[in-house]
C-alpha cells in the first residue's frame, strides 16, 4: 500500500480531465464553465451565458406551519405561520415580530 506522500509525488497534471460546470446564479442567470488544465499552466477558462433564465433558487410550494417554542410565551415560526390565522388563533398568538426581509405584514 503506497503512502499519500508517494501518491502526491507521482501526481501528473497532464492526466487531469477537463471539467464542465453549470452554474445558476441567484438572479437566475445560467453560466457554463469549461476548465482545461492540459497545456496551459494556469488553465483555460471559457464562459458561455445560456439564453433562458430561470429561478435562482428552488421554489418551496409547501407551507411550513411548524412552530418552535423558544421559551414560555415566545414562539418561533416561518412567514407561512405568520399568515395562517388558524394556527395563530390555536396557539393564542397576540403579537408578531416580523424579521423577514421583503415580506409585507398581513
N, C-alpha and C. Protein backbone atom coordinates (compact mmCIF):
# COMPACT_ATOMS: atom_id res chain seq x y z
N UNK A 1 0.85 -1.18 0.00
CA UNK A 1 0.00 0.00 0.00
C UNK A 1 0.89 1.24 0.00
N UNK A 2 0.65 2.13 -0.94
CA UNK A 2 1.52 3.30 -1.04
C UNK A 2 1.05 4.42 -0.12
N UNK A 3 1.99 5.19 0.33
CA UNK A 3 1.66 6.30 1.23
C UNK A 3 1.11 7.47 0.42
N UNK A 4 0.45 8.37 1.10
CA UNK A 4 -0.09 9.54 0.41
C UNK A 4 1.03 10.39 -0.16
N UNK A 5 2.18 10.40 0.51
CA UNK A 5 3.32 11.17 0.01
C UNK A 5 3.78 10.66 -1.34
N UNK A 6 3.85 9.35 -1.49
CA UNK A 6 4.28 8.80 -2.78
C UNK A 6 3.23 9.04 -3.86
N UNK A 7 1.96 9.06 -3.48
CA UNK A 7 0.90 9.37 -4.45
C UNK A 7 1.01 10.81 -4.91
N UNK A 8 1.27 11.72 -3.96
CA UNK A 8 1.41 13.12 -4.32
C UNK A 8 2.66 13.34 -5.17
N UNK A 9 3.71 12.65 -4.83
CA UNK A 9 4.96 12.78 -5.58
C UNK A 9 4.80 12.28 -7.02
N UNK A 10 3.98 11.27 -7.21
CA UNK A 10 3.76 10.71 -8.53
C UNK A 10 2.66 11.39 -9.32
N UNK A 11 2.08 12.46 -8.78
CA UNK A 11 0.97 13.16 -9.45
C UNK A 11 1.45 13.81 -10.74
N UNK A 12 0.67 13.67 -11.80
CA UNK A 12 0.99 14.28 -13.09
C UNK A 12 -0.22 15.09 -13.54
N UNK A 13 -0.03 16.39 -13.66
CA UNK A 13 -1.13 17.27 -14.04
C UNK A 13 -1.68 16.98 -15.43
N UNK A 14 -0.87 16.43 -16.28
CA UNK A 14 -1.32 16.13 -17.65
C UNK A 14 -2.39 15.05 -17.69
N UNK A 15 -2.56 14.31 -16.61
CA UNK A 15 -3.58 13.26 -16.58
C UNK A 15 -4.95 13.79 -16.15
N UNK A 16 -5.03 15.06 -15.75
CA UNK A 16 -6.31 15.63 -15.35
C UNK A 16 -7.23 15.77 -16.55
N UNK A 17 -8.51 15.57 -16.34
CA UNK A 17 -9.50 15.71 -17.39
C UNK A 17 -10.09 17.12 -17.33
N UNK A 18 -10.60 17.60 -18.46
CA UNK A 18 -11.28 18.89 -18.46
C UNK A 18 -12.61 18.73 -17.72
N UNK A 19 -13.05 19.81 -17.12
CA UNK A 19 -14.25 19.77 -16.29
C UNK A 19 -15.25 20.80 -16.81
N UNK A 20 -16.51 20.40 -16.88
CA UNK A 20 -17.59 21.30 -17.28
C UNK A 20 -18.51 21.47 -16.09
N UNK A 21 -18.82 22.72 -15.77
CA UNK A 21 -19.69 23.02 -14.62
C UNK A 21 -20.81 23.94 -15.06
N UNK A 22 -22.03 23.63 -14.68
CA UNK A 22 -23.18 24.50 -14.94
C UNK A 22 -23.55 25.21 -13.64
N UNK A 23 -23.64 26.53 -13.71
CA UNK A 23 -23.91 27.35 -12.52
C UNK A 23 -25.17 28.16 -12.77
N UNK A 24 -26.07 28.22 -11.79
CA UNK A 24 -27.22 29.12 -11.82
C UNK A 24 -27.01 30.14 -10.71
N UNK A 25 -26.92 31.41 -11.09
CA UNK A 25 -26.67 32.46 -10.10
C UNK A 25 -27.97 32.81 -9.37
N UNK A 26 -27.87 33.64 -8.34
CA UNK A 26 -29.04 34.00 -7.53
C UNK A 26 -30.09 34.72 -8.35
N UNK A 27 -29.69 35.45 -9.39
CA UNK A 27 -30.67 36.16 -10.22
C UNK A 27 -31.17 35.31 -11.39
N UNK A 28 -30.81 34.03 -11.42
CA UNK A 28 -31.34 33.12 -12.42
C UNK A 28 -30.50 32.98 -13.67
N UNK A 29 -29.38 33.71 -13.77
CA UNK A 29 -28.53 33.61 -14.95
C UNK A 29 -27.84 32.25 -14.95
N UNK A 30 -27.82 31.60 -16.11
CA UNK A 30 -27.19 30.28 -16.23
C UNK A 30 -25.86 30.43 -16.97
N UNK A 31 -24.82 29.88 -16.39
CA UNK A 31 -23.47 30.00 -16.94
C UNK A 31 -22.86 28.61 -17.03
N UNK A 32 -22.12 28.35 -18.11
CA UNK A 32 -21.36 27.11 -18.24
C UNK A 32 -19.89 27.45 -18.24
N UNK A 33 -19.11 26.75 -17.45
CA UNK A 33 -17.67 26.97 -17.43
C UNK A 33 -16.98 25.69 -17.86
N UNK A 34 -15.90 25.84 -18.59
CA UNK A 34 -15.09 24.71 -19.03
C UNK A 34 -13.65 24.96 -18.59
N UNK A 35 -13.09 24.06 -17.82
CA UNK A 35 -11.70 24.20 -17.36
C UNK A 35 -10.86 23.15 -18.06
N UNK A 36 -9.79 23.60 -18.69
CA UNK A 36 -8.87 22.69 -19.37
C UNK A 36 -7.49 22.90 -18.76
N UNK A 37 -6.93 21.88 -18.16
CA UNK A 37 -5.64 22.00 -17.48
C UNK A 37 -4.55 21.22 -18.22
N UNK A 38 -4.71 20.99 -19.50
CA UNK A 38 -3.77 20.11 -20.18
C UNK A 38 -2.49 20.81 -20.63
N UNK A 39 -2.58 21.94 -21.31
CA UNK A 39 -1.39 22.58 -21.87
C UNK A 39 -0.95 23.81 -21.09
N UNK A 40 -1.88 24.65 -20.76
CA UNK A 40 -1.57 25.94 -20.14
C UNK A 40 -1.39 25.76 -18.64
N UNK A 41 -0.35 26.33 -18.10
CA UNK A 41 -0.08 26.14 -16.67
C UNK A 41 -1.19 26.71 -15.80
N UNK A 42 -1.73 27.86 -16.19
CA UNK A 42 -2.79 28.47 -15.39
C UNK A 42 -4.16 27.89 -15.73
N UNK A 43 -4.27 27.17 -16.81
CA UNK A 43 -5.56 26.64 -17.22
C UNK A 43 -6.28 27.62 -18.12
N UNK A 44 -7.24 27.14 -18.86
CA UNK A 44 -8.02 27.97 -19.77
C UNK A 44 -9.46 27.89 -19.33
N UNK A 45 -10.10 29.03 -19.23
CA UNK A 45 -11.49 29.06 -18.79
C UNK A 45 -12.33 29.76 -19.85
N UNK A 46 -13.37 29.12 -20.29
CA UNK A 46 -14.30 29.76 -21.22
C UNK A 46 -15.68 29.77 -20.58
N UNK A 47 -16.38 30.87 -20.76
CA UNK A 47 -17.69 31.04 -20.13
C UNK A 47 -18.71 31.34 -21.20
N UNK A 48 -19.84 30.66 -21.14
CA UNK A 48 -20.96 30.92 -22.05
C UNK A 48 -22.19 31.19 -21.21
N UNK A 49 -22.91 32.26 -21.55
CA UNK A 49 -24.18 32.51 -20.86
C UNK A 49 -25.28 31.84 -21.65
N UNK A 50 -26.08 31.05 -20.97
CA UNK A 50 -27.20 30.38 -21.61
C UNK A 50 -28.35 31.37 -21.78
N UNK A 51 -29.12 31.21 -22.83
CA UNK A 51 -30.18 32.16 -23.15
C UNK A 51 -31.35 32.19 -22.19
N UNK A 52 -31.83 31.04 -21.76
CA UNK A 52 -33.04 31.03 -20.94
C UNK A 52 -32.70 31.18 -19.46
N UNK A 53 -33.39 32.11 -18.82
CA UNK A 53 -33.20 32.30 -17.39
C UNK A 53 -34.30 31.57 -16.64
N UNK A 54 -33.99 31.16 -15.46
CA UNK A 54 -34.97 30.52 -14.60
C UNK A 54 -34.87 31.14 -13.23
N UNK A 55 -35.44 30.48 -12.27
CA UNK A 55 -35.34 30.95 -10.90
C UNK A 55 -33.93 30.70 -10.39
N UNK A 56 -33.43 31.59 -9.57
CA UNK A 56 -32.12 31.41 -8.97
C UNK A 56 -32.17 30.62 -7.69
N UNK A 57 -33.30 29.95 -7.46
CA UNK A 57 -33.49 29.17 -6.24
C UNK A 57 -34.50 28.08 -6.53
N UNK A 58 -34.64 27.15 -5.63
CA UNK A 58 -35.65 26.10 -5.75
C UNK A 58 -36.91 26.57 -5.04
N UNK A 59 -38.02 26.74 -5.75
CA UNK A 59 -39.23 27.22 -5.08
C UNK A 59 -39.78 26.18 -4.11
N UNK A 60 -40.24 26.65 -2.98
CA UNK A 60 -40.84 25.78 -1.96
C UNK A 60 -42.34 26.03 -1.98
N UNK A 61 -43.08 25.10 -2.52
CA UNK A 61 -44.52 25.30 -2.71
C UNK A 61 -45.36 24.76 -1.56
N UNK A 62 -44.73 24.10 -0.59
CA UNK A 62 -45.45 23.56 0.56
C UNK A 62 -45.29 24.51 1.75
N UNK A 63 -46.40 24.95 2.36
CA UNK A 63 -46.27 25.85 3.51
C UNK A 63 -45.61 25.14 4.70
N UNK A 64 -44.79 25.88 5.42
CA UNK A 64 -44.11 25.37 6.61
C UNK A 64 -44.85 25.91 7.83
N UNK A 65 -45.70 25.09 8.41
CA UNK A 65 -46.52 25.53 9.55
C UNK A 65 -45.98 25.03 10.88
N UNK A 66 -44.73 24.61 10.92
CA UNK A 66 -44.16 24.16 12.20
C UNK A 66 -43.82 25.38 13.06
N UNK A 67 -44.03 25.22 14.36
CA UNK A 67 -43.80 26.30 15.32
C UNK A 67 -42.90 25.77 16.43
N UNK A 68 -41.86 26.53 16.74
CA UNK A 68 -40.96 26.16 17.82
C UNK A 68 -41.23 27.02 19.04
N UNK A 69 -40.98 26.47 20.22
CA UNK A 69 -41.15 27.22 21.46
C UNK A 69 -39.76 27.59 21.96
N UNK A 70 -39.42 28.88 21.86
CA UNK A 70 -38.12 29.36 22.33
C UNK A 70 -38.09 29.41 23.86
N UNK A 71 -39.16 29.92 24.42
CA UNK A 71 -39.39 29.90 25.87
C UNK A 71 -40.87 30.17 26.07
N UNK A 72 -41.33 30.11 27.29
CA UNK A 72 -42.75 30.29 27.56
C UNK A 72 -43.24 31.62 26.98
N UNK A 73 -44.29 31.56 26.18
CA UNK A 73 -44.93 32.70 25.53
C UNK A 73 -44.08 33.34 24.43
N UNK A 74 -43.02 32.66 23.99
CA UNK A 74 -42.22 33.15 22.87
C UNK A 74 -42.08 32.02 21.85
N UNK A 75 -42.78 32.17 20.74
CA UNK A 75 -42.82 31.15 19.69
C UNK A 75 -42.01 31.61 18.49
N UNK A 76 -41.49 30.67 17.73
CA UNK A 76 -40.73 30.98 16.52
C UNK A 76 -41.34 30.19 15.37
N UNK A 77 -41.61 30.89 14.26
CA UNK A 77 -42.18 30.21 13.10
C UNK A 77 -41.81 30.94 11.82
N UNK A 78 -42.19 30.35 10.71
CA UNK A 78 -41.87 30.91 9.40
C UNK A 78 -42.91 31.95 9.00
N UNK A 79 -42.69 32.57 7.85
CA UNK A 79 -43.66 33.53 7.33
C UNK A 79 -44.98 32.83 7.00
N UNK A 80 -44.94 31.53 6.73
CA UNK A 80 -46.18 30.79 6.47
C UNK A 80 -47.05 30.76 7.71
N UNK A 81 -46.44 30.55 8.87
CA UNK A 81 -47.19 30.55 10.13
C UNK A 81 -47.78 31.93 10.39
N UNK A 82 -46.99 32.97 10.13
CA UNK A 82 -47.44 34.34 10.39
C UNK A 82 -48.65 34.72 9.55
N UNK A 83 -48.86 34.04 8.42
CA UNK A 83 -50.01 34.33 7.57
C UNK A 83 -51.14 33.31 7.72
N UNK A 84 -51.00 32.35 8.61
CA UNK A 84 -52.01 31.30 8.79
C UNK A 84 -52.80 31.59 10.06
N UNK A 85 -53.94 32.25 9.88
CA UNK A 85 -54.73 32.74 11.02
C UNK A 85 -55.19 31.62 11.94
N UNK A 86 -55.54 30.46 11.39
CA UNK A 86 -55.98 29.34 12.22
C UNK A 86 -54.92 28.89 13.20
N UNK A 87 -53.68 28.77 12.73
CA UNK A 87 -52.57 28.37 13.61
C UNK A 87 -52.32 29.43 14.67
N UNK A 88 -52.36 30.69 14.27
CA UNK A 88 -52.12 31.78 15.23
C UNK A 88 -53.18 31.79 16.33
N UNK A 89 -54.44 31.60 15.95
CA UNK A 89 -55.51 31.56 16.96
C UNK A 89 -55.37 30.35 17.88
N UNK A 90 -55.06 29.20 17.29
CA UNK A 90 -54.91 27.96 18.07
C UNK A 90 -53.80 28.10 19.12
N UNK A 91 -52.74 28.80 18.78
CA UNK A 91 -51.62 28.98 19.70
C UNK A 91 -51.77 30.19 20.62
N UNK A 92 -52.82 30.98 20.40
CA UNK A 92 -53.05 32.16 21.24
C UNK A 92 -52.07 33.29 20.99
N UNK A 93 -51.61 33.41 19.76
CA UNK A 93 -50.65 34.46 19.41
C UNK A 93 -51.36 35.81 19.38
N UNK A 94 -50.77 36.79 20.06
CA UNK A 94 -51.34 38.14 20.09
C UNK A 94 -50.47 39.16 19.37
N UNK A 95 -49.16 38.90 19.27
CA UNK A 95 -48.24 39.83 18.62
C UNK A 95 -47.26 39.06 17.73
N UNK A 96 -46.86 39.70 16.63
CA UNK A 96 -45.89 39.09 15.72
C UNK A 96 -44.76 40.08 15.48
N UNK A 97 -43.53 39.60 15.61
CA UNK A 97 -42.35 40.39 15.25
C UNK A 97 -41.85 39.86 13.92
N UNK A 98 -41.96 40.68 12.87
CA UNK A 98 -41.56 40.28 11.53
C UNK A 98 -40.09 40.65 11.33
N UNK A 99 -39.23 39.64 11.20
CA UNK A 99 -37.81 39.89 10.98
C UNK A 99 -37.38 39.47 9.57
N UNK A 100 -38.35 39.18 8.72
CA UNK A 100 -38.04 38.77 7.34
C UNK A 100 -37.87 39.99 6.46
N UNK A 101 -36.92 39.89 5.52
CA UNK A 101 -36.69 40.97 4.58
C UNK A 101 -37.59 40.77 3.37
N UNK A 102 -38.30 41.82 2.96
CA UNK A 102 -39.11 41.75 1.75
C UNK A 102 -40.43 41.04 1.92
N UNK A 103 -40.84 40.75 3.15
CA UNK A 103 -42.13 40.09 3.40
C UNK A 103 -43.05 41.11 4.04
N UNK A 104 -44.14 41.50 3.36
CA UNK A 104 -45.03 42.51 3.93
C UNK A 104 -45.83 41.95 5.10
N UNK A 105 -46.20 42.81 6.02
CA UNK A 105 -47.07 42.41 7.13
C UNK A 105 -48.48 42.21 6.58
N UNK A 106 -49.15 41.18 7.04
CA UNK A 106 -50.50 40.88 6.54
C UNK A 106 -51.54 41.58 7.40
